[in-house]
C-alpha cells in the first residue's frame, strides 16, 4: 500500500471512530473545534502544534519512501493535503446542527 494511501486510511479511520462513538466523544470533539475556532490564541497554538506534527509525519514518510526530506516536497505535500482535508472536515462537522 502506498504511504499516502495508508496515511489517508488511518486518518479516515480515526474520524469514522469519532463519528460512530456511542459516548459523548463526537459532541466533545465538536465543542473543542468550536472553542478553537472562537479563540484566536488557542487556534494559533493549535495550528502551530498541527504544523509540527505534519512536519514530523512528512519526514517519516520521506524516510519510508527513501527520499531526502530537505530536497523532495512530495511527502510534505501529501501530509499537507491530508491535514487540510481533515481541517475542512472538522470545520464542516463542527458547523452541523
C-alpha atoms as a PDB file:
ATOM      1  CA  UNK A   1       0.000   0.000   0.000  1.00  0.00           C
ATOM      2  CA  UNK A   2       1.423   3.419  -0.907  1.00  0.00           C
ATOM      3  CA  UNK A   3       2.343   5.535   2.131  1.00  0.00           C
ATOM      4  CA  UNK A   4      -0.086   8.310   1.201  1.00  0.00           C
ATOM      5  CA  UNK A   5      -2.958   5.829   0.976  1.00  0.00           C
ATOM      6  CA  UNK A   6      -2.002   4.305   4.330  1.00  0.00           C
ATOM      7  CA  UNK A   7      -1.889   7.755   5.936  1.00  0.00           C
ATOM      8  CA  UNK A   8      -5.261   8.760   4.450  1.00  0.00           C
ATOM      9  CA  UNK A   9      -6.838   5.451   5.522  1.00  0.00           C
ATOM     10  CA  UNK A  10      -5.568   5.903   9.085  1.00  0.00           C
ATOM     11  CA  UNK A  11      -6.941   9.444   9.258  1.00  0.00           C
ATOM     12  CA  UNK A  12     -10.293   8.331   7.832  1.00  0.00           C
ATOM     13  CA  UNK A  13     -10.475   5.527  10.404  1.00  0.00           C
ATOM     14  CA  UNK A  14      -9.985   7.954  13.299  1.00  0.00           C
ATOM     15  CA  UNK A  15     -12.681  10.318  12.012  1.00  0.00           C
ATOM     16  CA  UNK A  16     -15.106   7.411  11.477  1.00  0.00           C
ATOM     17  CA  UNK A  17     -14.492   6.165  15.016  1.00  0.00           C
ATOM     18  CA  UNK A  18     -15.183   9.619  16.406  1.00  0.00           C
ATOM     19  CA  UNK A  19     -18.408   9.930  14.446  1.00  0.00           C
ATOM     20  CA  UNK A  20     -19.645   6.458  15.434  1.00  0.00           C
ATOM     21  CA  UNK A  21     -18.749   6.627  19.124  1.00  0.00           C
ATOM     22  CA  UNK A  22     -21.628   5.701  21.413  1.00  0.00           C
ATOM     23  CA  UNK A  23     -20.425   8.037  24.135  1.00  0.00           C
ATOM     24  CA  UNK A  24     -20.096  11.818  24.023  1.00  0.00           C
ATOM     25  CA  UNK A  25     -16.817  11.740  22.080  1.00  0.00           C
ATOM     26  CA  UNK A  26     -18.304  13.327  18.952  1.00  0.00           C
ATOM     27  CA  UNK A  27     -20.028  16.074  20.927  1.00  0.00           C
ATOM     28  CA  UNK A  28     -16.856  16.742  22.902  1.00  0.00           C
ATOM     29  CA  UNK A  29     -14.829  16.993  19.694  1.00  0.00           C
ATOM     30  CA  UNK A  30     -17.388  19.412  18.235  1.00  0.00           C
ATOM     31  CA  UNK A  31     -17.102  21.600  21.339  1.00  0.00           C
ATOM     32  CA  UNK A  32     -13.311  21.549  21.147  1.00  0.00           C
ATOM     33  CA  UNK A  33     -13.385  22.608  17.489  1.00  0.00           C
ATOM     34  CA  UNK A  34     -15.848  25.399  18.325  1.00  0.00           C
ATOM     35  CA  UNK A  35     -13.618  26.580  21.179  1.00  0.00           C
ATOM     36  CA  UNK A  36     -10.541  26.593  18.958  1.00  0.00           C
ATOM     37  CA  UNK A  37     -12.308  28.479  16.178  1.00  0.00           C
ATOM     38  CA  UNK A  38     -13.606  31.101  18.599  1.00  0.00           C
ATOM     39  CA  UNK A  39     -10.376  31.724  20.485  1.00  0.00           C
ATOM     40  CA  UNK A  40      -7.601  33.194  18.291  1.00  0.00           C
ATOM     41  CA  UNK A  41      -4.778  32.421  20.782  1.00  0.00           C
ATOM     42  CA  UNK A  42      -5.912  28.791  21.108  1.00  0.00           C
ATOM     43  CA  UNK A  43      -6.347  28.473  17.349  1.00  0.00           C
ATOM     44  CA  UNK A  44      -2.838  29.830  16.736  1.00  0.00           C
ATOM     45  CA  UNK A  45      -1.347  27.388  19.262  1.00  0.00           C
ATOM     46  CA  UNK A  46      -3.354  24.536  17.733  1.00  0.00           C
ATOM     47  CA  UNK A  47      -2.116  25.353  14.217  1.00  0.00           C
ATOM     48  CA  UNK A  48       1.475  25.612  15.428  1.00  0.00           C
ATOM     49  CA  UNK A  49       1.169  22.192  17.058  1.00  0.00           C
ATOM     50  CA  UNK A  50      -0.536  20.722  13.958  1.00  0.00           C
ATOM     51  CA  UNK A  51       2.231  22.042  11.697  1.00  0.00           C
ATOM     52  CA  UNK A  52       4.841  20.476  13.968  1.00  0.00           C
ATOM     53  CA  UNK A  53       3.058  17.118  13.753  1.00  0.00           C
ATOM     54  CA  UNK A  54       2.712  17.442   9.968  1.00  0.00           C
ATOM     55  CA  UNK A  55       6.444  18.135   9.663  1.00  0.00           C
ATOM     56  CA  UNK A  56       7.323  15.034  11.694  1.00  0.00           C
ATOM     57  CA  UNK A  57       4.872  12.894   9.689  1.00  0.00           C
ATOM     58  CA  UNK A  58       6.241  14.192   6.389  1.00  0.00           C
ATOM     59  CA  UNK A  59       9.796  13.419   7.472  1.00  0.00           C
ATOM     60  CA  UNK A  60       8.782   9.882   8.463  1.00  0.00           C
ATOM     61  CA  UNK A  61       7.005   9.485   5.137  1.00  0.00           C
ATOM     62  CA  UNK A  62      10.124  10.710   3.302  1.00  0.00           C
ATOM     63  CA  UNK A  63      12.191   8.199   5.259  1.00  0.00           C
ATOM     64  CA  UNK A  64       9.771   5.411   4.337  1.00  0.00           C
ATOM     65  CA  UNK A  65       9.884   6.429   0.670  1.00  0.00           C
ATOM     66  CA  UNK A  66      13.670   6.673   0.762  1.00  0.00           C
ATOM     67  CA  UNK A  67      13.796  10.331  -0.304  1.00  0.00           C
ATOM     68  CA  UNK A  68      15.586  13.324   1.153  1.00  0.00           C
ATOM     69  CA  UNK A  69      13.036  15.465   3.057  1.00  0.00           C
ATOM     70  CA  UNK A  70      15.213  18.535   2.562  1.00  0.00           C
ATOM     71  CA  UNK A  71      15.017  18.340  -1.233  1.00  0.00           C
ATOM     72  CA  UNK A  72      11.834  16.416  -2.067  1.00  0.00           C
ATOM     73  CA  UNK A  73       8.499  18.137  -1.354  1.00  0.00           C
ATOM     74  CA  UNK A  74       6.216  15.187  -2.172  1.00  0.00           C
ATOM     75  CA  UNK A  75       5.934  13.874   1.436  1.00  0.00           C
ATOM     76  CA  UNK A  76       5.174  17.376   2.743  1.00  0.00           C
ATOM     77  CA  UNK A  77       2.557  17.946   0.032  1.00  0.00           C
ATOM     78  CA  UNK A  78       0.896  14.602   0.758  1.00  0.00           C
ATOM     79  CA  UNK A  79       0.759  15.168   4.516  1.00  0.00           C
ATOM     80  CA  UNK A  80      -0.348  18.764   3.998  1.00  0.00           C
ATOM     81  CA  UNK A  81      -3.169  17.677   1.689  1.00  0.00           C
ATOM     82  CA  UNK A  82      -4.465  15.132   4.190  1.00  0.00           C
ATOM     83  CA  UNK A  83      -4.131  17.663   7.019  1.00  0.00           C
ATOM     84  CA  UNK A  84      -6.082  20.239   5.025  1.00  0.00           C
ATOM     85  CA  UNK A  85      -8.804  17.705   4.265  1.00  0.00           C
ATOM     86  CA  UNK A  86      -9.077  16.841   7.960  1.00  0.00           C
ATOM     87  CA  UNK A  87      -9.270  20.520   8.950  1.00  0.00           C
ATOM     88  CA  UNK A  88     -12.001  21.099   6.358  1.00  0.00           C
ATOM     89  CA  UNK A  89     -13.932  18.073   7.625  1.00  0.00           C
ATOM     90  CA  UNK A  90     -13.589  19.225  11.240  1.00  0.00           C
ATOM     91  CA  UNK A  91     -14.801  22.703  10.292  1.00  0.00           C
ATOM     92  CA  UNK A  92     -17.812  21.309   8.453  1.00  0.00           C
ATOM     93  CA  UNK A  93     -18.545  18.777  11.194  1.00  0.00           C
ATOM     94  CA  UNK A  94     -18.472  21.484  13.862  1.00  0.00           C
ATOM     95  CA  UNK A  95     -20.988  23.502  11.851  1.00  0.00           C
ATOM     96  CA  UNK A  96     -23.551  20.688  11.774  1.00  0.00           C
ATOM     97  CA  UNK A  97     -26.636  21.199  13.970  1.00  0.00           C
END
